[in-house]
Amino acid sequence: KQHHAIKQFIDSGHHGMDFGYYDYQGEYILAHPLNAVFSGTIVGILIDRPPLGHAVMVETPYETLPAEYRDALDILPGYSLYILYAHLNEEPTFQIGDPISWQQKVGTVGKSQTAEAHLHLETRIGLSGFTFDSMAYYDTATTEDERAMYMRWRTSGDFHPFDPMILFTNLYHN
């Protein structure tokens, strides 16, 4: 079985999914709570860094993912599911290494580093055990380390992106 996380990517396009700034009843969703899709560990914290704003990243390792997700996403032992929740309304209160439970609040919908309130949800598969103290790009105020970490996340092939909607389809909830 060949794992898909060995391919390099170009830093172009929009990796992830944006959930719009109005809810199903037409209400503006600024400050609506966001809950964790899976339990795991906080491995990334961004405090108002371009282009993602305030953000939290959660790692869910192979061992703790339900088997149907491991199989459907071709996640192998030693790899993890990484979920990035970006453009949060306020600075994250978590620390790297904090555990997070399924459906625990990770923050609220915001518009940090963006024009309108929305959730940018980005999903990737990568080797287990990485942390992202900060990552940023597209601004002269970013550090070399932040840019390197951003490029590792986006283009190295160490973290393979996939459509986040796969996590919410009926295919995996039957």
Protein backbone atom coordinates (compact mmCIF):
# COMPACT_ATOMS: atom_id res chain seq x y z
CA LYS A 1 0.00 0.00 0.00
CA GLN A 2 1.58 3.28 -1.07
CA HIS A 3 1.01 6.26 1.17
CA HIS A 4 0.08 9.53 -0.49
CA ALA A 5 2.09 11.90 1.76
CA ILE A 6 5.26 11.78 -0.35
CA LYS A 7 4.20 14.19 -3.08
CA GLN A 8 5.37 17.82 -3.17
CA PHE A 9 2.81 20.58 -3.63
CA ILE A 10 2.89 24.07 -5.04
CA ASP A 11 1.85 26.96 -2.81
CA SER A 12 -1.09 27.93 -4.96
CA GLY A 13 -4.81 27.69 -4.67
CA HIS A 14 -6.87 27.48 -1.54
CA HIS A 15 -6.08 24.47 0.63
CA GLY A 16 -9.07 23.79 2.82
CA MET A 17 -12.65 24.94 3.01
CA ASP A 18 -14.15 28.23 4.11
CA PHE A 19 -17.46 28.09 5.93
CA GLY A 20 -19.33 31.29 5.10
CA TYR A 21 -20.11 34.12 7.36
CA TYR A 22 -23.90 33.59 7.60
CA ASP A 23 -25.59 30.60 9.22
CA TYR A 24 -28.51 28.65 7.75
CA GLN A 25 -30.99 31.24 9.11
CA GLY A 26 -29.14 34.19 7.57
CA GLU A 27 -27.58 35.33 10.86
CA TYR A 28 -24.04 36.67 10.87
CA ILE A 29 -21.86 34.01 12.50
CA LEU A 30 -19.14 36.21 14.03
CA ALA A 31 -18.32 34.72 17.46
CA HIS A 32 -20.31 31.50 16.95
CA PRO A 33 -18.59 28.62 18.80
CA LEU A 34 -16.41 26.13 16.91
CA ASN A 35 -16.07 22.60 18.24
CA ALA A 36 -13.34 20.03 17.58
CA VAL A 37 -14.13 17.56 14.81
CA PHE A 38 -12.04 14.85 16.57
CA SER A 39 -10.28 14.54 19.89
CA GLY A 40 -6.52 14.91 19.87
CA THR A 41 -3.72 17.19 20.97
CA ILE A 42 -3.15 20.87 20.31
CA VAL A 43 -0.03 21.00 18.11
CA GLY A 44 -0.32 24.48 16.63
CA ILE A 45 -1.15 27.94 17.93
CA LEU A 46 -1.16 31.07 15.77
CA ILE A 47 -1.66 34.50 17.26
CA ASP A 48 -2.75 36.94 14.52
CA ARG A 49 -0.26 35.66 11.92
CA PRO A 50 -0.78 36.22 8.21
CA PRO A 51 -2.59 34.78 6.35
CA LEU A 52 -4.43 32.60 8.91
CA GLY A 53 -4.96 35.01 11.81
CA HIS A 54 -5.70 33.41 15.16
CA ALA A 55 -5.65 29.65 14.64
CA VAL A 56 -5.49 26.30 16.40
CA MET A 57 -4.21 23.02 14.96
CA VAL A 58 -5.25 19.64 16.38
CA GLU A 59 -3.44 16.36 15.72
CA THR A 60 -5.37 13.09 15.94
CA PRO A 61 -3.00 10.13 15.62
CA TYR A 62 -3.75 6.92 13.75
CA GLU A 63 -4.28 4.97 16.97
CA THR A 64 -7.15 7.17 18.16
CA LEU A 65 -8.99 7.67 14.86
CA PRO A 66 -12.01 5.45 14.18
CA ALA A 67 -11.06 2.62 11.81
CA GLU A 68 -13.47 3.77 9.09
CA TYR A 69 -11.65 7.14 8.87
CA ARG A 70 -8.20 5.53 8.90
CA ASP A 71 -9.25 3.26 6.05
CA ALA A 72 -11.13 5.86 4.01
CA LEU A 73 -8.31 8.42 4.29
CA ASP A 74 -5.51 5.85 3.84
CA ILE A 75 -3.90 6.83 7.14
CA LEU A 76 -1.14 4.42 8.12
CA PRO A 77 0.49 3.76 11.52
CA GLY A 78 2.90 6.56 12.35
CA TYR A 79 0.71 9.14 10.60
CA SER A 80 -1.93 11.51 11.95
CA LEU A 81 -4.87 13.59 10.87
CA TYR A 82 -4.16 17.33 11.32
CA ILE A 83 -7.02 19.83 11.40
CA LEU A 84 -6.39 23.58 11.29
CA TYR A 85 -9.12 25.97 12.48
CA ALA A 86 -8.22 29.50 11.28
CA HIS A 87 -9.43 33.12 11.41
CA LEU A 88 -10.68 32.68 14.98
CA ASN A 89 -12.28 35.64 16.72
CA GLU A 90 -9.89 35.77 19.65
CA GLU A 91 -6.44 34.53 20.60
CA PRO A 92 -6.42 30.81 21.43
CA THR A 93 -6.19 30.03 25.14
CA PHE A 94 -4.66 26.59 24.61
CA GLN A 95 -1.01 25.63 24.96
CA ILE A 96 0.80 23.24 22.64
CA GLY A 97 0.43 19.77 24.10
CA ASP A 98 -3.03 20.36 25.60
CA PRO A 99 -5.48 17.53 25.03
CA ILE A 100 -8.75 18.36 23.29
CA SER A 101 -11.92 16.28 23.35
CA TRP A 102 -14.34 15.56 20.55
CA GLN A 103 -16.75 18.53 20.28
CA GLN A 104 -14.79 20.62 22.79
CA LYS A 105 -14.82 24.31 21.92
CA VAL A 106 -11.65 25.31 20.03
CA GLY A 107 -12.64 28.94 19.58
CA THR A 108 -15.22 31.12 17.86
CA VAL A 109 -15.74 32.23 14.27
CA GLY A 110 -13.79 35.37 13.57
CA LYS A 111 -12.19 37.50 10.95
CA SER A 112 -8.59 37.71 12.10
CA GLN A 113 -6.35 38.41 9.07
CA THR A 114 -9.38 38.41 6.75
CA ALA A 115 -12.17 40.77 5.70
CA GLU A 116 -15.29 38.79 6.67
CA ALA A 117 -16.04 36.38 9.50
CA HIS A 118 -15.65 32.74 8.47
CA LEU A 119 -13.96 29.50 9.48
CA HIS A 120 -11.08 28.30 7.34
CA LEU A 121 -10.91 24.55 7.99
CA GLU A 122 -7.84 22.82 6.61
CA THR A 123 -7.24 19.07 6.81
CA ARG A 124 -4.03 17.18 6.13
CA ILE A 125 -2.42 13.83 6.79
CA GLY A 126 1.19 13.76 7.93
CA LEU A 127 3.76 12.05 10.09
CA SER A 128 2.78 12.01 13.74
CA GLY A 129 4.35 14.23 16.34
CA PHE A 130 4.88 17.60 14.62
CA THR A 131 4.23 20.89 16.36
CA PHE A 132 3.69 24.34 14.87
CA ASP A 133 4.67 27.04 17.38
CA SER A 134 3.86 29.59 14.70
CA MET A 135 3.72 29.81 10.94
CA ALA A 136 3.11 32.79 8.71
CA TYR A 137 3.69 34.06 5.19
CA TYR A 138 2.85 36.85 2.71
CA ASP A 139 4.04 39.66 4.98
CA THR A 140 7.45 41.26 5.56
CA ALA A 141 6.88 41.13 9.33
CA THR A 142 7.02 37.31 9.31
CA THR A 143 10.18 35.57 10.51
CA GLU A 144 12.29 33.15 8.52
CA ASP A 145 11.26 30.34 10.90
CA GLU A 146 7.56 31.16 10.46
CA ARG A 147 7.89 31.16 6.68
CA ALA A 148 9.80 27.86 6.72
CA MET A 149 7.13 26.22 8.89
CA TYR A 150 4.35 27.60 6.68
CA MET A 151 6.04 26.23 3.56
CA ARG A 152 6.58 22.87 5.25
CA TRP A 153 2.85 22.72 6.01
CA ARG A 154 1.82 23.91 2.55
CA THR A 155 4.32 22.52 0.04
CA SER A 156 6.76 19.96 1.45
CA GLY A 157 4.59 16.91 0.90
CA ASP A 158 5.03 16.05 4.60
CA PHE A 159 1.39 17.07 5.13
CA HIS A 160 -0.96 15.87 2.41
CA PRO A 161 -4.11 18.00 1.99
CA PHE A 162 -7.53 16.51 1.34
CA ASP A 163 -11.07 17.84 1.02
CA PRO A 164 -12.41 18.49 4.57
CA MET A 165 -15.95 17.67 3.44
CA ILE A 166 -14.93 14.00 3.38
CA LEU A 167 -15.11 14.12 7.18
CA PHE A 168 -18.76 15.20 7.09
CA THR A 169 -20.26 12.99 4.40
CA ASN A 170 -22.67 10.13 4.99
CA LEU A 171 -20.10 7.76 3.51
CA TYR A 172 -18.37 7.56 6.90
CA HIS A 173 -21.45 7.79 9.11
CA ASN A 174 -23.41 4.72 8.01
